[in-house]
Amino acid sequence: MLMWIIIIALLVIGLSLIIVELVFIPGTTVVGLLGFIFSVAGIVISYKHFGADVGFYILLGMSVTTLFALFYSFRAGSWTKFSLKTAIDSKVNEGMLAALQVGDEGVTVSTLRPIGKAEFQHQQFEVKTSGDYVESGIRVRITQILSHQVIVEPIN
């Protein structure tokens, strides 16, 4: 009786870990690999303790159960309540760039490596350099405004 409990526990844990790997945390492979190892261990123990016939039936039952559980997991849509349904569709500096023009001067608020923050007309904007490293507190000039990007260069 104890061996049946051990075998069933190994198979249930293995199946659970495989489903968790595929549905909740795909791409980690560690959880799925552990699930596979637990399942194989349960099947091997059943072959050793109960012989080839019982081992085969347990292998067949585990295969069918795994396929059914995976099919039902994806088909039922019960996992959609765990998934993210919102998306971020805003952009940096969106709607704020109308007040800026090429040639405006300001001061960096953070270090630009090459992206950081600068202040123009008492407002902070995310700005980008052409690859230069600019320290905080340095005066900069706007050279380009592209889409939602403000390109600046240090004033010497």
N, C-alpha and C. Protein backbone atom coordinates (compact mmCIF):
# COMPACT_ATOMS: atom_id res chain seq x y z
N MET A 1 0.83 -1.21 0.00
CA MET A 1 0.00 0.00 0.00
C MET A 1 0.86 1.26 0.00
N LEU A 2 1.95 1.22 0.74
CA LEU A 2 2.85 2.38 0.81
C LEU A 2 3.46 2.69 -0.56
N MET A 3 3.78 1.61 -1.31
CA MET A 3 4.36 1.83 -2.64
C MET A 3 3.37 2.50 -3.58
N TRP A 4 2.10 2.17 -3.49
CA TRP A 4 1.09 2.82 -4.32
C TRP A 4 1.02 4.31 -3.99
N ILE A 5 1.08 4.64 -2.71
CA ILE A 5 1.03 6.06 -2.30
C ILE A 5 2.24 6.81 -2.85
N ILE A 6 3.42 6.19 -2.76
CA ILE A 6 4.64 6.83 -3.28
C ILE A 6 4.55 7.02 -4.79
N ILE A 7 4.11 5.99 -5.50
CA ILE A 7 4.01 6.08 -6.96
C ILE A 7 2.99 7.14 -7.37
N ILE A 8 1.84 7.13 -6.76
CA ILE A 8 0.81 8.12 -7.10
C ILE A 8 1.28 9.53 -6.77
N ALA A 9 1.96 9.70 -5.64
CA ALA A 9 2.47 11.03 -5.27
C ALA A 9 3.50 11.51 -6.28
N LEU A 10 4.41 10.63 -6.70
CA LEU A 10 5.41 11.02 -7.70
C LEU A 10 4.75 11.41 -9.02
N LEU A 11 3.76 10.64 -9.44
CA LEU A 11 3.09 10.93 -10.71
C LEU A 11 2.30 12.23 -10.64
N VAL A 12 1.60 12.46 -9.53
CA VAL A 12 0.81 13.70 -9.40
C VAL A 12 1.73 14.91 -9.32
N ILE A 13 2.81 14.81 -8.54
CA ILE A 13 3.77 15.93 -8.46
C ILE A 13 4.40 16.18 -9.82
N GLY A 14 4.78 15.11 -10.51
CA GLY A 14 5.39 15.27 -11.84
C GLY A 14 4.45 15.93 -12.83
N LEU A 15 3.21 15.47 -12.86
CA LEU A 15 2.22 16.06 -13.76
C LEU A 15 1.95 17.52 -13.42
N SER A 16 1.86 17.81 -12.14
CA SER A 16 1.63 19.19 -11.70
C SER A 16 2.78 20.10 -12.12
N LEU A 17 4.00 19.64 -11.94
CA LEU A 17 5.15 20.47 -12.32
C LEU A 17 5.22 20.68 -13.83
N ILE A 18 4.87 19.68 -14.60
CA ILE A 18 4.88 19.84 -16.06
C ILE A 18 3.84 20.86 -16.48
N ILE A 19 2.65 20.80 -15.90
CA ILE A 19 1.60 21.78 -16.24
C ILE A 19 2.01 23.17 -15.81
N VAL A 20 2.60 23.29 -14.62
CA VAL A 20 3.07 24.60 -14.16
C VAL A 20 4.12 25.15 -15.11
N GLU A 21 5.02 24.29 -15.57
CA GLU A 21 6.06 24.72 -16.51
C GLU A 21 5.46 25.24 -17.81
N LEU A 22 4.50 24.54 -18.34
CA LEU A 22 3.94 24.91 -19.64
C LEU A 22 2.99 26.09 -19.57
N VAL A 23 2.26 26.24 -18.47
CA VAL A 23 1.21 27.25 -18.42
C VAL A 23 1.65 28.50 -17.67
N PHE A 24 2.26 28.33 -16.50
CA PHE A 24 2.55 29.50 -15.66
C PHE A 24 3.93 30.10 -15.91
N ILE A 25 4.96 29.29 -15.98
CA ILE A 25 6.32 29.81 -16.09
C ILE A 25 7.06 29.18 -17.25
N PRO A 26 6.60 29.41 -18.46
CA PRO A 26 7.26 28.78 -19.61
C PRO A 26 8.67 29.34 -19.81
N GLY A 27 9.54 28.50 -20.27
CA GLY A 27 10.89 28.95 -20.58
C GLY A 27 11.91 28.68 -19.50
N THR A 28 11.49 28.25 -18.32
CA THR A 28 12.47 28.01 -17.26
C THR A 28 13.11 26.64 -17.38
N THR A 29 12.44 25.67 -17.90
CA THR A 29 12.84 24.28 -18.12
C THR A 29 13.20 23.52 -16.85
N VAL A 30 13.58 24.18 -15.78
CA VAL A 30 13.93 23.49 -14.54
C VAL A 30 12.70 22.82 -13.95
N VAL A 31 11.60 23.55 -13.88
CA VAL A 31 10.37 23.00 -13.31
C VAL A 31 9.85 21.86 -14.17
N GLY A 32 9.86 22.03 -15.47
CA GLY A 32 9.42 20.97 -16.37
C GLY A 32 10.32 19.75 -16.29
N LEU A 33 11.62 19.97 -16.18
CA LEU A 33 12.56 18.87 -16.06
C LEU A 33 12.34 18.11 -14.75
N LEU A 34 12.10 18.83 -13.67
CA LEU A 34 11.79 18.17 -12.40
C LEU A 34 10.49 17.37 -12.50
N GLY A 35 9.50 17.92 -13.15
CA GLY A 35 8.24 17.20 -13.35
C GLY A 35 8.45 15.93 -14.14
N PHE A 36 9.26 16.01 -15.17
CA PHE A 36 9.57 14.83 -15.98
C PHE A 36 10.30 13.78 -15.15
N ILE A 37 11.26 14.23 -14.35
CA ILE A 37 12.02 13.31 -13.50
C ILE A 37 11.11 12.62 -12.48
N PHE A 38 10.22 13.39 -11.83
CA PHE A 38 9.29 12.80 -10.88
C PHE A 38 8.39 11.76 -11.56
N SER A 39 7.89 12.09 -12.74
CA SER A 39 7.01 11.17 -13.46
C SER A 39 7.75 9.88 -13.85
N VAL A 40 8.94 10.04 -14.38
CA VAL A 40 9.73 8.87 -14.78
C VAL A 40 10.06 8.02 -13.54
N ALA A 41 10.39 8.68 -12.43
CA ALA A 41 10.69 7.93 -11.20
C ALA A 41 9.49 7.11 -10.75
N GLY A 42 8.30 7.69 -10.80
CA GLY A 42 7.10 6.95 -10.43
C GLY A 42 6.85 5.77 -11.34
N ILE A 43 7.08 5.93 -12.62
CA ILE A 43 6.87 4.84 -13.58
C ILE A 43 7.91 3.74 -13.39
N VAL A 44 9.18 4.12 -13.19
CA VAL A 44 10.25 3.14 -12.98
C VAL A 44 10.00 2.34 -11.71
N ILE A 45 9.61 3.01 -10.64
CA ILE A 45 9.32 2.31 -9.38
C ILE A 45 8.16 1.33 -9.58
N SER A 46 7.15 1.73 -10.36
CA SER A 46 6.03 0.82 -10.60
C SER A 46 6.47 -0.41 -11.40
N TYR A 47 7.36 -0.23 -12.37
CA TYR A 47 7.88 -1.38 -13.12
C TYR A 47 8.67 -2.31 -12.19
N LYS A 48 9.51 -1.75 -11.33
CA LYS A 48 10.36 -2.57 -10.46
C LYS A 48 9.54 -3.33 -9.41
N HIS A 49 8.56 -2.68 -8.82
CA HIS A 49 7.82 -3.30 -7.71
C HIS A 49 6.66 -4.17 -8.16
N PHE A 50 6.02 -3.82 -9.25
CA PHE A 50 4.80 -4.54 -9.62
C PHE A 50 4.92 -5.29 -10.94
N GLY A 51 6.05 -5.21 -11.62
CA GLY A 51 6.25 -5.96 -12.85
C GLY A 51 5.90 -5.15 -14.10
N ALA A 52 6.11 -5.82 -15.24
CA ALA A 52 5.97 -5.16 -16.53
C ALA A 52 4.52 -4.82 -16.86
N ASP A 53 3.60 -5.69 -16.50
CA ASP A 53 2.20 -5.44 -16.85
C ASP A 53 1.65 -4.21 -16.13
N VAL A 54 1.82 -4.17 -14.84
CA VAL A 54 1.32 -3.03 -14.05
C VAL A 54 2.07 -1.77 -14.43
N GLY A 55 3.39 -1.89 -14.62
CA GLY A 55 4.19 -0.73 -15.04
C GLY A 55 3.71 -0.15 -16.35
N PHE A 56 3.38 -1.06 -17.32
CA PHE A 56 2.88 -0.60 -18.61
C PHE A 56 1.54 0.13 -18.47
N TYR A 57 0.66 -0.41 -17.65
CA TYR A 57 -0.65 0.23 -17.45
C TYR A 57 -0.51 1.59 -16.76
N ILE A 58 0.43 1.68 -15.85
CA ILE A 58 0.68 2.98 -15.20
C ILE A 58 1.28 3.96 -16.21
N LEU A 59 2.20 3.48 -17.04
CA LEU A 59 2.78 4.34 -18.09
C LEU A 59 1.69 4.80 -19.05
N LEU A 60 0.84 3.91 -19.48
CA LEU A 60 -0.24 4.26 -20.40
C LEU A 60 -1.21 5.23 -19.74
N GLY A 61 -1.58 4.96 -18.50
CA GLY A 61 -2.49 5.85 -17.77
C GLY A 61 -1.89 7.23 -17.56
N MET A 62 -0.61 7.28 -17.24
CA MET A 62 0.05 8.57 -17.04
C MET A 62 0.12 9.35 -18.35
N SER A 63 0.39 8.67 -19.45
CA SER A 63 0.45 9.34 -20.75
C SER A 63 -0.91 9.94 -21.12
N VAL A 64 -1.96 9.14 -20.96
CA VAL A 64 -3.30 9.62 -21.29
C VAL A 64 -3.70 10.76 -20.36
N THR A 65 -3.42 10.62 -19.08
CA THR A 65 -3.75 11.67 -18.11
C THR A 65 -2.99 12.95 -18.42
N THR A 66 -1.72 12.85 -18.76
CA THR A 66 -0.93 14.04 -19.10
C THR A 66 -1.50 14.74 -20.33
N LEU A 67 -1.79 13.98 -21.37
CA LEU A 67 -2.36 14.59 -22.58
C LEU A 67 -3.70 15.24 -22.30
N PHE A 68 -4.56 14.57 -21.54
CA PHE A 68 -5.86 15.13 -21.20
C PHE A 68 -5.71 16.39 -20.36
N ALA A 69 -4.82 16.36 -19.36
CA ALA A 69 -4.63 17.52 -18.48
C ALA A 69 -4.09 18.71 -19.26
N LEU A 70 -3.14 18.47 -20.16
CA LEU A 70 -2.59 19.56 -20.96
C LEU A 70 -3.65 20.12 -21.92
N PHE A 71 -4.38 19.23 -22.56
CA PHE A 71 -5.43 19.67 -23.47
C PHE A 71 -6.47 20.49 -22.71
N TYR A 72 -6.93 19.99 -21.58
CA TYR A 72 -7.94 20.70 -20.80
C TYR A 72 -7.41 22.02 -20.25
N SER A 73 -6.14 22.04 -19.85
CA SER A 73 -5.55 23.27 -19.30
C SER A 73 -5.59 24.40 -20.32
N PHE A 74 -5.24 24.10 -21.55
CA PHE A 74 -5.21 25.15 -22.57
C PHE A 74 -6.59 25.40 -23.17
N ARG A 75 -7.40 24.38 -23.26
CA ARG A 75 -8.72 24.51 -23.89
C ARG A 75 -9.73 25.23 -23.02
N ALA A 76 -9.71 24.98 -21.73
CA ALA A 76 -10.72 25.54 -20.82
C ALA A 76 -10.55 27.04 -20.64
N GLY A 77 -9.37 27.56 -20.86
CA GLY A 77 -9.15 29.00 -20.68
C GLY A 77 -9.14 29.42 -19.22
N SER A 78 -9.03 28.44 -18.35
CA SER A 78 -9.03 28.77 -16.92
C SER A 78 -7.77 29.52 -16.51
N TRP A 79 -6.74 29.47 -17.32
CA TRP A 79 -5.48 30.14 -16.99
C TRP A 79 -5.49 31.60 -17.42
N THR A 80 -6.49 32.03 -18.16
CA THR A 80 -6.51 33.42 -18.63
C THR A 80 -6.69 34.42 -17.49
N LYS A 81 -7.26 33.97 -16.38
CA LYS A 81 -7.40 34.91 -15.25
C LYS A 81 -6.06 35.23 -14.61
N PHE A 82 -5.03 34.44 -14.91
CA PHE A 82 -3.71 34.71 -14.38
C PHE A 82 -2.86 35.55 -15.33
N SER A 83 -3.33 35.74 -16.56
CA SER A 83 -2.52 36.44 -17.55
C SER A 83 -2.77 37.94 -17.52
N LEU A 84 -1.80 38.66 -18.01
CA LEU A 84 -1.88 40.12 -18.08
C LEU A 84 -2.76 40.51 -19.26
N LYS A 85 -3.74 41.36 -19.01
CA LYS A 85 -4.67 41.75 -20.07
C LYS A 85 -4.50 43.21 -20.49
N THR A 86 -3.72 43.95 -19.76
CA THR A 86 -3.52 45.36 -20.09
C THR A 86 -2.18 45.54 -20.79
N ALA A 87 -2.10 46.59 -21.54
CA ALA A 87 -0.86 46.92 -22.24
C ALA A 87 -0.56 48.40 -22.04
N ILE A 88 0.70 48.71 -21.99
CA ILE A 88 1.11 50.10 -21.88
C ILE A 88 1.19 50.65 -23.29
N ASP A 89 0.37 51.65 -23.58
CA ASP A 89 0.36 52.21 -24.93
C ASP A 89 0.78 53.67 -24.95
N SER A 90 1.24 54.19 -23.83
CA SER A 90 1.69 55.57 -23.80
C SER A 90 3.17 55.63 -24.19
N LYS A 91 3.60 56.81 -24.54
CA LYS A 91 4.99 57.01 -24.94
C LYS A 91 5.62 58.08 -24.05
N VAL A 92 6.93 58.04 -23.97
CA VAL A 92 7.66 59.03 -23.19
C VAL A 92 7.49 60.39 -23.84
N ASN A 93 7.29 61.41 -23.04
CA ASN A 93 7.15 62.79 -23.50
C ASN A 93 5.91 62.99 -24.38
N GLU A 94 4.96 62.09 -24.33
CA GLU A 94 3.79 62.19 -25.22
C GLU A 94 2.99 63.45 -24.92
N GLY A 95 2.76 64.26 -25.94
CA GLY A 95 1.96 65.47 -25.81
C GLY A 95 2.68 66.62 -25.13
N MET A 96 3.91 66.42 -24.71
CA MET A 96 4.63 67.47 -23.99
C MET A 96 5.62 68.21 -24.89
N LEU A 97 5.90 67.67 -26.05
CA LEU A 97 6.95 68.23 -26.89
C LEU A 97 6.51 69.44 -27.69
N ALA A 98 5.25 69.80 -27.65
CA ALA A 98 4.77 70.94 -28.42
C ALA A 98 5.43 72.24 -27.96
N ALA A 99 5.80 72.31 -26.70
CA ALA A 99 6.42 73.53 -26.15
C ALA A 99 7.90 73.64 -26.50
N LEU A 100 8.50 72.56 -26.99
CA LEU A 100 9.93 72.56 -27.30
C LEU A 100 10.18 72.81 -28.78
N GLN A 101 11.33 73.45 -29.05
CA GLN A 101 11.75 73.70 -30.42
C GLN A 101 13.23 73.43 -30.53
N VAL A 102 13.67 73.12 -31.74
CA VAL A 102 15.10 72.93 -31.98
C VAL A 102 15.81 74.24 -31.65
N GLY A 103 16.88 74.16 -30.90
CA GLY A 103 17.65 75.35 -30.50
C GLY A 103 17.38 75.76 -29.05
N ASP A 104 16.30 75.26 -28.43
CA ASP A 104 16.03 75.58 -27.02
C ASP A 104 17.18 75.06 -26.16
N GLU A 105 17.47 75.83 -25.09
CA GLU A 105 18.55 75.45 -24.19
C GLU A 105 17.98 75.10 -22.83
N GLY A 106 18.64 74.14 -22.16
CA GLY A 106 18.22 73.71 -20.84
C GLY A 106 19.40 73.15 -20.07
N VAL A 107 19.09 72.52 -18.94
CA VAL A 107 20.12 71.97 -18.07
C VAL A 107 19.80 70.50 -17.79
N THR A 108 20.84 69.66 -17.81
CA THR A 108 20.61 68.25 -17.50
C THR A 108 20.29 68.08 -16.02
N VAL A 109 19.30 67.29 -15.74
CA VAL A 109 18.90 67.00 -14.36
C VAL A 109 19.58 65.72 -13.89
N SER A 110 19.78 64.79 -14.80
CA SER A 110 20.49 63.55 -14.49
C SER A 110 21.63 63.40 -15.50
N THR A 111 22.48 62.43 -15.25
CA THR A 111 23.56 62.15 -16.18
C THR A 111 22.97 61.52 -17.43
N LEU A 112 23.40 61.98 -18.59
CA LEU A 112 22.93 61.43 -19.87
C LEU A 112 23.94 60.37 -20.33
N ARG A 113 23.49 59.08 -20.37
CA ARG A 113 24.40 57.98 -20.70
C ARG A 113 23.86 57.10 -21.79
N PRO A 114 23.49 57.40 -22.88
CA PRO A 114 23.23 58.70 -23.48
C PRO A 114 21.81 59.19 -23.22
N ILE A 115 20.98 58.42 -22.48
CA ILE A 115 19.62 58.87 -22.20
C ILE A 115 19.51 59.29 -20.75
N GLY A 116 18.80 60.38 -20.51
CA GLY A 116 18.59 60.88 -19.16
C GLY A 116 17.52 61.96 -19.17
N LYS A 117 17.54 62.79 -18.14
CA LYS A 117 16.53 63.85 -18.03
C LYS A 117 17.20 65.21 -18.09
N ALA A 118 16.48 66.14 -18.71
CA ALA A 118 16.93 67.52 -18.78
C ALA A 118 15.72 68.42 -18.56
N GLU A 119 15.99 69.63 -18.09
CA GLU A 119 14.91 70.57 -17.82
C GLU A 119 14.94 71.70 -18.84
N PHE A 120 13.79 71.91 -19.48
CA PHE A 120 13.59 73.01 -20.43
C PHE A 120 12.32 73.73 -20.01
N GLN A 121 12.36 75.02 -19.89
CA GLN A 121 11.20 75.85 -19.55
C GLN A 121 10.49 75.34 -18.29
N HIS A 122 11.26 75.02 -17.27
CA HIS A 122 10.77 74.57 -15.95
C HIS A 122 10.00 73.25 -16.00
N GLN A 123 10.24 72.45 -17.03
CA GLN A 123 9.66 71.11 -17.14
C GLN A 123 10.76 70.11 -17.45
N GLN A 124 10.62 68.89 -16.90
CA GLN A 124 11.61 67.86 -17.16
C GLN A 124 11.16 66.98 -18.33
N PHE A 125 12.12 66.64 -19.19
CA PHE A 125 11.88 65.80 -20.35
C PHE A 125 12.95 64.72 -20.41
N GLU A 126 12.58 63.59 -20.97
CA GLU A 126 13.58 62.56 -21.23
C GLU A 126 14.27 62.93 -22.53
N VAL A 127 15.60 62.99 -22.49
CA VAL A 127 16.37 63.41 -23.65
C VAL A 127 17.45 62.37 -23.96
N LYS A 128 18.02 62.51 -25.14
CA LYS A 128 19.04 61.58 -25.60
C LYS A 128 20.14 62.35 -26.29
N THR A 129 21.36 61.89 -26.09
CA THR A 129 22.48 62.51 -26.81
C THR A 129 22.81 61.65 -28.02
N SER A 130 23.73 62.10 -28.83
CA SER A 130 24.13 61.32 -30.01
C SER A 130 25.17 60.28 -29.64
N GLY A 131 25.25 59.93 -28.37
CA GLY A 131 26.20 58.91 -27.91
C GLY A 131 27.16 59.44 -26.88
N ASP A 132 27.12 60.74 -26.66
CA ASP A 132 28.04 61.35 -25.70
C ASP A 132 27.57 61.11 -24.27
N TYR A 133 28.51 61.13 -23.35
CA TYR A 133 28.24 61.03 -21.93
C TYR A 133 28.24 62.46 -21.38
N VAL A 134 27.11 62.91 -20.80
CA VAL A 134 26.98 64.28 -20.32
C VAL A 134 26.63 64.24 -18.84
N GLU A 135 27.41 64.93 -18.02
CA GLU A 135 27.19 64.96 -16.57
C GLU A 135 25.92 65.74 -16.23
N SER A 136 25.46 65.58 -15.01
CA SER A 136 24.31 66.32 -14.51
C SER A 136 24.70 67.78 -14.28
N GLY A 137 23.76 68.69 -14.55
CA GLY A 137 24.00 70.12 -14.33
C GLY A 137 24.68 70.83 -15.49
N ILE A 138 24.85 70.19 -16.62
CA ILE A 138 25.50 70.78 -17.80
C ILE A 138 24.42 71.37 -18.71
N ARG A 139 24.71 72.52 -19.30
CA ARG A 139 23.77 73.15 -20.22
C ARG A 139 23.79 72.39 -21.55
N VAL A 140 22.58 72.18 -22.09
CA VAL A 140 22.44 71.45 -23.36
C VAL A 140 21.51 72.22 -24.29
N ARG A 141 21.63 71.91 -25.58
CA ARG A 141 20.79 72.53 -26.61
C ARG A 141 20.11 71.41 -27.40
N ILE A 142 18.84 71.63 -27.77
CA ILE A 142 18.09 70.66 -28.57
C ILE A 142 18.56 70.76 -30.02
N THR A 143 18.97 69.62 -30.57
CA THR A 143 19.40 69.59 -31.97
C THR A 143 18.35 68.97 -32.88
N GLN A 144 17.54 68.05 -32.34
CA GLN A 144 16.50 67.41 -33.14
C GLN A 144 15.34 67.00 -32.23
N ILE A 145 14.16 67.00 -32.80
CA ILE A 145 13.00 66.44 -32.13
C ILE A 145 12.39 65.43 -33.10
N LEU A 146 12.53 64.13 -32.75
CA LEU A 146 12.04 63.05 -33.60
C LEU A 146 10.94 62.30 -32.87
N SER A 147 9.77 62.24 -33.46
CA SER A 147 8.67 61.49 -32.89
C SER A 147 8.48 61.88 -31.43
N HIS A 148 8.92 61.07 -30.50
CA HIS A 148 8.82 61.40 -29.08
C HIS A 148 10.20 61.43 -28.43
N GLN A 149 11.23 61.65 -29.23
CA GLN A 149 12.60 61.73 -28.73
C GLN A 149 13.14 63.13 -28.89
N VAL A 150 13.83 63.59 -27.86
CA VAL A 150 14.49 64.90 -27.92
C VAL A 150 15.99 64.63 -27.92
N ILE A 151 16.67 65.04 -28.99
CA ILE A 151 18.11 64.83 -29.12
C ILE A 151 18.79 66.13 -28.73
N VAL A 152 19.77 66.03 -27.82
CA VAL A 152 20.47 67.23 -27.33
C VAL A 152 21.97 67.06 -27.49
N GLU A 153 22.67 68.21 -27.38
CA GLU A 153 24.13 68.22 -27.35
C GLU A 153 24.58 69.21 -26.30
N PRO A 154 25.70 68.98 -25.66
CA PRO A 154 26.19 69.91 -24.64
C PRO A 154 26.62 71.24 -25.28
N ILE A 155 26.41 72.33 -24.55
CA ILE A 155 26.84 73.65 -25.02
C ILE A 155 28.21 73.91 -24.41
N ASN A 156 29.18 74.20 -25.25
CA ASN A 156 30.55 74.48 -24.76
C ASN A 156 30.75 75.95 -24.52
